[in-house]
Amino acid sequence: FFYRIQDAMLSRQPMDIEAARERVNLLPNSGPNNVSHASHGNKKPPPLSLGPVSSCLLYSSCSCSMVLVNKMLASSYDTTFNILLVVFQALVAIVCCYVAKAAGKIDYPPFSKDIALQWLPVNVFFCMMLFTSMQALTHNNVPMVTVFKNIANIFIAAGDYLFFNKPSSFLTQLAFGVMLLGAILASHKDAHATFVGLFWMLCNCVFTAGYVLYMKHATQTVKLSKFGMVYFNNVLAALILVPVTLFNGEAMDFYRREDLHNPYYFVTNVFAGFVGFFLNFASLSCVAATGPTTYAIVGSVNKIPTSVIGWALFDAEISKEAFFFICVSMMGGFIYSYSKIKEARDKQQGK
């Protein structure tokens, strides 16, 4: 859950004159005899957009891949470089942005203070989500944190209604209830928490919801392409988290760990950063195309393929409680999927 970064398709707005010129590739203030950008080789790459289904599938596959790659790193080396890994992967994503832009595949504006300040709250929420998650795991066991992760989804659905006027249907509420009940029943024997632990988990729910909801707001108000958002998101994340790694000692610990200074560890981190580049894009697209509530549900249901693939690749044991939680999560996911299909069908019928 450390690496769920997540919205980028700008909602459609009425096209102004300048936008219309861009659509037909005419130079600004051009007359009828002017030539197009394409004839000069300056044509910008067309914006890449994804629909609701494709964005959810891409987000799910990238998120699952990211978790498995980081699991591979953790199982191969005895490390706890949680923040440093995010920094490594952010730096790789920045390089991917530069390379893709140089190749003419994507386009985004150069780094500027004004745009950075508009996007900065997204990164602040993300960093606070990371910090409170680690504090919650320090003061509570994993089953209790799992329960509260499902409560965070309810916070997101409530914020979706309050800030974006998107009420949840009965079936959507039922899906949340089923998944929360499954998490509680699966962990009721092992879950325990202290008052301090409950405080940090509640804070994590708030910052997780704030991160997803503000990301939706930013994609509607910040005038950037999706890959522009990926670029600014990773640049700001690196600028914020590099000092953190120096303060908490992760950077020095990595410097002292000579067993990590090898091509395998480097290549694996580069691959993780490459996946993170597409995970950023998929997260932004998923939130923009579907909304914060669907994004939260996809993230919860995504634990199912991650657990199954982890069991197959790493021989990780799946307990009876975990298997029960997987089955209940599947049921909740099916209920939510049916509710969205029903909503779309009712909308088409004019109900």
Protein backbone atom coordinates (compact mmCIF):
# COMPACT_ATOMS: atom_id res chain seq x y z
CA PHE A 1 0.00 0.00 0.00
CA PHE A 2 3.04 2.31 0.18
CA TYR A 3 3.15 2.60 -3.57
CA ARG A 4 -0.40 3.44 -4.48
CA ILE A 5 0.11 6.75 -6.06
CA GLN A 6 -2.55 7.86 -7.67
CA ASP A 7 -5.69 10.60 -11.75
CA ALA A 8 -5.08 12.50 -14.75
CA MET A 9 -7.71 12.73 -17.42
CA LEU A 10 -8.96 16.31 -17.33
CA SER A 11 -12.72 16.41 -17.43
CA ARG A 12 -14.05 17.66 -20.74
CA GLN A 13 -14.58 21.39 -20.94
CA PRO A 14 -16.08 23.49 -23.72
CA MET A 15 -13.36 24.04 -26.29
CA ASP A 16 -12.13 27.63 -26.61
CA ILE A 17 -10.76 29.18 -29.79
CA GLU A 18 -7.13 28.39 -29.04
CA ALA A 19 -7.98 24.77 -28.24
CA ALA A 20 -9.89 24.53 -31.51
CA ARG A 21 -6.83 25.78 -33.37
CA GLU A 22 -4.73 23.12 -31.71
CA ARG A 23 -7.18 20.42 -32.71
CA VAL A 24 -6.79 21.30 -36.39
CA ASN A 25 -3.04 21.85 -35.92
CA LEU A 26 -3.10 25.51 -37.02
CA LEU A 27 -0.51 28.00 -35.87
CA PRO A 28 -1.78 30.67 -33.45
CA ASN A 29 -3.14 33.70 -35.29
CA SER A 30 -2.71 31.83 -38.55
CA GLY A 31 -4.45 32.80 -41.70
CA PRO A 32 -5.89 30.53 -44.36
CA ASN A 33 -2.54 30.32 -46.13
CA ASN A 34 -0.52 29.23 -43.12
CA VAL A 35 0.75 25.68 -42.89
CA SER A 36 0.19 23.28 -40.02
CA HIS A 37 2.57 22.37 -37.21
CA ALA A 38 2.98 18.95 -38.72
CA SER A 39 4.56 20.38 -41.85
CA HIS A 40 7.27 21.98 -39.70
CA GLY A 41 7.77 18.84 -37.61
CA ASN A 42 6.53 20.60 -34.45
CA LYS A 43 3.31 18.69 -34.02
CA LYS A 44 2.72 17.73 -30.40
CA PRO A 45 2.00 14.08 -29.64
CA PRO A 46 -1.74 13.42 -29.29
CA PRO A 47 -2.91 13.12 -25.67
CA LEU A 48 -3.24 9.55 -24.47
CA SER A 49 -6.57 8.88 -22.80
CA LEU A 50 -8.00 5.74 -21.26
CA GLY A 51 -11.58 4.70 -20.64
CA PRO A 52 -12.90 3.51 -17.26
CA VAL A 53 -12.31 -0.21 -17.86
CA SER A 54 -8.87 0.12 -19.44
CA SER A 55 -7.68 2.57 -16.76
CA CYS A 56 -8.84 0.23 -13.97
CA LEU A 57 -7.15 -2.78 -15.60
CA LEU A 58 -3.90 -0.87 -16.12
CA TYR A 59 -3.96 0.44 -12.54
CA SER A 60 -4.63 -3.04 -11.15
CA SER A 61 -1.87 -4.71 -13.18
CA CYS A 62 0.70 -1.99 -12.41
CA SER A 63 -0.17 -1.94 -8.71
CA CYS A 64 0.11 -5.72 -8.49
CA SER A 65 3.43 -5.68 -10.36
CA MET A 66 4.81 -2.96 -8.08
CA VAL A 67 3.91 -4.89 -4.92
CA LEU A 68 5.48 -8.09 -6.28
CA VAL A 69 8.70 -6.34 -7.38
CA ASN A 70 9.09 -4.73 -3.95
CA LYS A 71 8.32 -8.09 -2.35
CA MET A 72 11.11 -9.59 -4.46
CA LEU A 73 13.51 -6.90 -3.26
CA ALA A 74 12.49 -7.43 0.37
CA SER A 75 12.80 -11.23 0.14
CA SER A 76 16.19 -11.09 -1.62
CA TYR A 77 17.73 -8.55 0.76
CA ASP A 78 17.05 -7.88 4.42
CA THR A 79 16.10 -4.23 4.01
CA THR A 80 13.55 -1.78 5.39
CA PHE A 81 14.22 1.10 3.01
CA ASN A 82 10.57 2.03 2.55
CA ILE A 83 11.07 5.75 1.86
CA LEU A 84 14.33 5.28 -0.04
CA LEU A 85 12.66 2.85 -2.44
CA VAL A 86 10.01 5.46 -3.21
CA VAL A 87 12.80 7.97 -3.94
CA PHE A 88 14.64 5.51 -6.23
CA GLN A 89 11.47 4.76 -8.16
CA ALA A 90 10.51 8.44 -8.40
CA LEU A 91 13.92 9.27 -9.89
CA VAL A 92 13.55 6.50 -12.47
CA ALA A 93 10.06 7.76 -13.36
CA ILE A 94 11.50 11.27 -13.89
CA VAL A 95 14.11 9.85 -16.27
CA CYS A 96 11.34 7.97 -18.12
CA CYS A 97 9.47 11.25 -18.54
CA TYR A 98 12.55 12.99 -19.95
CA VAL A 99 13.32 10.14 -22.36
CA ALA A 100 9.73 9.87 -23.59
CA LYS A 101 9.51 13.64 -24.09
CA ALA A 102 12.84 13.73 -25.95
CA ALA A 103 11.56 10.94 -28.22
CA GLY A 104 8.42 12.97 -28.96
CA LYS A 105 6.06 10.42 -27.41
CA ILE A 106 4.70 12.68 -24.66
CA ASP A 107 4.65 16.39 -23.93
CA TYR A 108 4.55 18.45 -20.74
CA PRO A 109 5.71 21.92 -19.69
CA PRO A 110 9.10 22.47 -18.03
CA PHE A 111 9.21 22.56 -14.25
CA SER A 112 7.77 25.79 -12.91
CA LYS A 113 7.11 27.10 -9.42
CA ASP A 114 3.48 28.04 -10.14
CA ILE A 115 2.48 24.57 -11.36
CA ALA A 116 4.50 22.90 -8.61
CA LEU A 117 2.64 24.87 -5.93
CA GLN A 118 -0.70 23.83 -7.45
CA TRP A 119 0.30 20.17 -7.40
CA LEU A 120 2.16 20.26 -4.06
CA PRO A 121 -0.86 19.37 -1.83
CA VAL A 122 -1.13 16.01 -3.61
CA ASN A 123 2.43 15.14 -2.59
CA VAL A 124 1.93 16.45 0.94
CA PHE A 125 -1.10 14.17 1.37
CA PHE A 126 0.89 11.27 -0.12
CA CYS A 127 3.85 11.77 2.22
CA MET A 128 1.56 12.03 5.24
CA MET A 129 -0.19 8.87 4.09
CA LEU A 130 3.18 7.07 4.02
CA PHE A 131 4.21 8.42 7.43
CA THR A 132 0.94 7.57 9.19
CA SER A 133 0.90 4.10 7.57
CA MET A 134 4.32 3.32 9.02
CA GLN A 135 3.32 4.70 12.42
CA ALA A 136 0.14 2.62 12.34
CA LEU A 137 2.13 -0.53 11.59
CA THR A 138 4.54 0.32 14.40
CA HIS A 139 1.79 0.51 17.03
CA ASN A 140 -0.63 -2.11 15.66
CA ASN A 141 -0.50 -5.52 14.07
CA VAL A 142 -1.22 -6.14 10.39
CA PRO A 143 -4.81 -7.50 10.80
CA MET A 144 -5.95 -4.35 12.59
CA VAL A 145 -4.33 -2.13 9.95
CA THR A 146 -6.10 -4.19 7.25
CA VAL A 147 -9.47 -3.47 8.88
CA PHE A 148 -8.80 0.26 8.95
CA LYS A 149 -7.67 0.22 5.32
CA ASN A 150 -11.22 -0.81 4.46
CA ILE A 151 -12.58 1.95 6.71
CA ALA A 152 -10.49 4.41 4.67
CA ASN A 153 -12.54 3.38 1.62
CA ILE A 154 -15.68 4.54 3.43
CA PHE A 155 -14.01 7.90 4.13
CA ILE A 156 -13.25 8.20 0.41
CA ALA A 157 -16.83 7.39 -0.59
CA ALA A 158 -18.12 9.99 1.89
CA GLY A 159 -15.72 12.59 0.50
CA ASP A 160 -16.78 11.72 -3.04
CA TYR A 161 -20.33 12.59 -2.05
CA LEU A 162 -19.47 15.74 -0.08
CA PHE A 163 -16.97 17.32 -2.49
CA PHE A 164 -17.98 15.94 -5.89
CA ASN A 165 -21.71 15.37 -5.33
CA LYS A 166 -21.51 11.68 -6.21
CA PRO A 167 -23.72 9.75 -3.81
CA SER A 168 -23.15 6.03 -3.33
CA SER A 169 -25.95 3.67 -4.27
CA PHE A 170 -27.28 1.02 -1.92
CA LEU A 171 -25.30 -1.70 -3.71
CA THR A 172 -22.11 0.35 -3.43
CA GLN A 173 -22.66 0.78 0.30
CA LEU A 174 -23.38 -2.94 0.56
CA ALA A 175 -20.09 -3.73 -1.20
CA PHE A 176 -18.18 -1.57 1.29
CA GLY A 177 -20.02 -3.20 4.18
CA VAL A 178 -19.27 -6.73 2.94
CA MET A 179 -15.57 -6.00 2.51
CA LEU A 180 -15.31 -4.32 5.91
CA LEU A 181 -17.18 -7.15 7.61
CA GLY A 182 -14.92 -9.69 5.93
CA ALA A 183 -11.80 -7.89 7.17
CA ILE A 184 -13.19 -7.74 10.72
CA LEU A 185 -14.19 -11.41 10.79
CA ALA A 186 -10.89 -12.53 9.27
CA SER A 187 -8.81 -10.65 11.84
CA HIS A 188 -10.99 -10.68 14.96
CA LYS A 189 -8.75 -13.20 16.73
CA ASP A 190 -5.48 -11.46 15.95
CA ALA A 191 -6.42 -7.78 15.76
CA HIS A 192 -5.51 -5.63 18.70
CA ALA A 193 -4.64 -1.97 19.02
CA THR A 194 -3.59 0.63 21.54
CA PHE A 195 -5.00 4.13 21.90
CA VAL A 196 -1.91 5.55 20.15
CA GLY A 197 -2.29 2.94 17.42
CA LEU A 198 -5.94 3.86 16.87
CA PHE A 199 -4.95 7.51 16.63
CA TRP A 200 -2.39 6.82 13.89
CA MET A 201 -4.78 4.56 11.97
CA LEU A 202 -7.48 7.22 12.08
CA CYS A 203 -4.95 9.77 10.81
CA ASN A 204 -3.97 7.38 8.03
CA CYS A 205 -7.62 7.03 6.98
CA VAL A 206 -7.95 10.81 6.81
CA PHE A 207 -4.75 11.34 4.80
CA THR A 208 -5.48 8.39 2.49
CA ALA A 209 -8.91 9.83 1.71
CA GLY A 210 -7.44 13.32 1.37
CA TYR A 211 -4.81 12.06 -1.05
CA VAL A 212 -7.29 10.36 -3.37
CA LEU A 213 -9.90 13.13 -3.21
CA TYR A 214 -7.45 15.99 -3.72
CA MET A 215 -5.89 14.09 -6.60
CA LYS A 216 -9.31 14.12 -8.27
CA HIS A 217 -9.60 17.85 -7.60
CA ALA A 218 -6.11 18.53 -8.96
CA THR A 219 -6.79 16.75 -12.23
CA GLN A 220 -9.79 19.00 -12.76
CA THR A 221 -8.07 22.29 -11.90
CA VAL A 222 -4.35 21.95 -12.75
CA LYS A 223 -3.89 22.43 -16.48
CA LEU A 224 -1.50 19.58 -17.19
CA SER A 225 -1.53 16.49 -19.35
CA LYS A 226 -1.53 13.16 -17.54
CA PHE A 227 2.17 12.68 -18.16
CA GLY A 228 2.78 16.25 -17.02
CA MET A 229 1.13 15.28 -13.75
CA VAL A 230 3.31 12.15 -13.57
CA TYR A 231 6.40 14.35 -14.05
CA PHE A 232 5.50 16.96 -11.43
CA ASN A 233 4.27 14.27 -9.03
CA ASN A 234 7.59 12.43 -9.06
CA VAL A 235 9.79 15.54 -9.02
CA LEU A 236 7.99 16.89 -5.95
CA ALA A 237 7.98 13.47 -4.26
CA ALA A 238 11.75 13.21 -4.71
CA LEU A 239 12.34 16.76 -3.43
CA ILE A 240 10.24 16.10 -0.33
CA LEU A 241 11.43 12.58 0.48
CA VAL A 242 15.20 12.87 -0.14
CA PRO A 243 15.66 14.98 3.05
CA VAL A 244 13.51 12.45 4.90
CA THR A 245 15.88 9.60 3.94
CA LEU A 246 18.79 11.66 5.25
CA PHE A 247 16.99 12.43 8.49
CA ASN A 248 15.79 8.87 9.23
CA GLY A 249 19.13 7.31 8.30
CA GLU A 250 17.97 5.22 5.33
CA ALA A 251 20.39 6.93 2.93
CA MET A 252 23.40 6.26 5.19
CA ASP A 253 22.27 2.68 5.85
CA PHE A 254 22.09 2.07 2.11
CA TYR A 255 25.55 3.59 1.64
CA ARG A 256 26.98 1.20 4.26
CA ARG A 257 25.26 -1.87 2.78
CA GLU A 258 27.87 -2.94 0.23
CA ASP A 259 25.88 -6.09 -0.57
CA LEU A 260 23.25 -3.84 -2.17
CA HIS A 261 25.73 -2.16 -4.52
CA ASN A 262 25.35 -4.71 -7.32
CA PRO A 263 23.77 -4.82 -10.80
CA TYR A 264 20.85 -7.06 -9.74
CA TYR A 265 19.63 -4.64 -7.07
CA PHE A 266 20.12 -1.71 -9.44
CA VAL A 267 18.26 -3.32 -12.36
CA THR A 268 15.40 -4.45 -10.13
CA ASN A 269 14.95 -0.93 -8.77
CA VAL A 270 15.07 0.51 -12.29
CA PHE A 271 12.37 -1.93 -13.36
CA ALA A 272 10.30 -0.99 -10.30
CA GLY A 273 10.68 2.68 -11.23
CA PHE A 274 9.60 1.89 -14.79
CA VAL A 275 6.50 0.16 -13.43
CA GLY A 276 5.97 3.12 -11.09
CA PHE A 277 6.01 5.47 -14.08
CA PHE A 278 3.03 3.62 -15.57
CA LEU A 279 1.45 3.17 -12.13
CA ASN A 280 1.38 6.95 -11.73
CA PHE A 281 -0.24 7.33 -15.12
CA ALA A 282 -2.73 4.51 -14.42
CA SER A 283 -3.65 5.88 -10.97
CA LEU A 284 -4.28 9.36 -12.31
CA SER A 285 -6.29 8.00 -15.23
CA CYS A 286 -8.32 5.68 -13.01
CA VAL A 287 -9.33 8.41 -10.57
CA ALA A 288 -10.19 10.80 -13.41
CA ALA A 289 -12.11 8.30 -15.53
CA THR A 290 -14.04 6.59 -12.73
CA GLY A 291 -13.81 8.62 -9.52
CA PRO A 292 -12.29 8.24 -6.04
CA THR A 293 -14.79 5.59 -4.87
CA THR A 294 -14.12 3.19 -7.75
CA TYR A 295 -10.40 3.80 -7.37
CA ALA A 296 -10.62 2.77 -3.71
CA ILE A 297 -12.59 -0.37 -4.53
CA VAL A 298 -10.14 -1.41 -7.25
CA GLY A 299 -7.28 -0.95 -4.79
CA SER A 300 -8.99 -3.19 -2.24
CA VAL A 301 -9.97 -5.92 -4.70
CA ASN A 302 -6.44 -5.80 -6.12
CA LYS A 303 -5.24 -7.59 -2.99
CA ILE A 304 -6.77 -10.77 -4.42
CA PRO A 305 -4.49 -11.26 -7.47
CA THR A 306 -1.53 -9.94 -5.46
CA SER A 307 -2.06 -12.59 -2.76
CA VAL A 308 -2.55 -15.40 -5.27
CA ILE A 309 0.48 -14.47 -7.40
CA GLY A 310 2.58 -13.94 -4.27
CA TRP A 311 1.60 -17.43 -3.10
CA ALA A 312 2.58 -18.91 -6.47
CA LEU A 313 5.88 -17.03 -6.89
CA PHE A 314 7.18 -16.74 -3.34
CA ASP A 315 5.52 -19.78 -1.77
CA ALA A 316 3.82 -17.47 0.70
CA GLU A 317 1.39 -19.26 2.97
CA ILE A 318 -2.26 -18.19 2.79
CA SER A 319 -3.97 -18.81 6.12
CA LYS A 320 -7.62 -19.76 6.48
CA GLU A 321 -8.38 -16.24 7.66
CA ALA A 322 -6.62 -14.71 4.65
CA PHE A 323 -8.43 -17.05 2.29
CA PHE A 324 -11.74 -16.09 3.88
CA PHE A 325 -10.90 -12.40 3.46
CA ILE A 326 -10.00 -12.98 -0.22
CA CYS A 327 -13.36 -14.69 -0.84
CA VAL A 328 -15.31 -11.92 0.90
CA SER A 329 -13.34 -9.25 -0.98
CA MET A 330 -14.22 -10.98 -4.23
CA MET A 331 -17.87 -10.95 -3.23
CA GLY A 332 -17.69 -7.24 -2.40
CA GLY A 333 -15.95 -6.56 -5.69
CA PHE A 334 -18.64 -8.44 -7.62
CA ILE A 335 -21.39 -6.50 -5.83
CA TYR A 336 -19.69 -3.20 -6.64
CA SER A 337 -19.18 -4.18 -10.28
CA TYR A 338 -22.83 -5.14 -10.58
CA SER A 339 -23.87 -1.83 -9.02
CA LYS A 340 -21.85 0.16 -11.59
CA ILE A 341 -23.27 -1.92 -14.46
CA LYS A 342 -26.77 -1.37 -13.13
CA GLU A 343 -26.17 2.39 -12.79
CA ALA A 344 -24.92 2.60 -16.38
CA ARG A 345 -27.90 0.62 -17.66
CA ASP A 346 -30.38 2.74 -15.73
CA LYS A 347 -28.70 5.90 -17.03
CA GLN A 348 -29.01 4.69 -20.62
CA GLN A 349 -32.69 3.95 -20.06
CA GLY A 350 -33.20 7.45 -18.67
CA LYS A 351 -34.12 6.36 -15.18
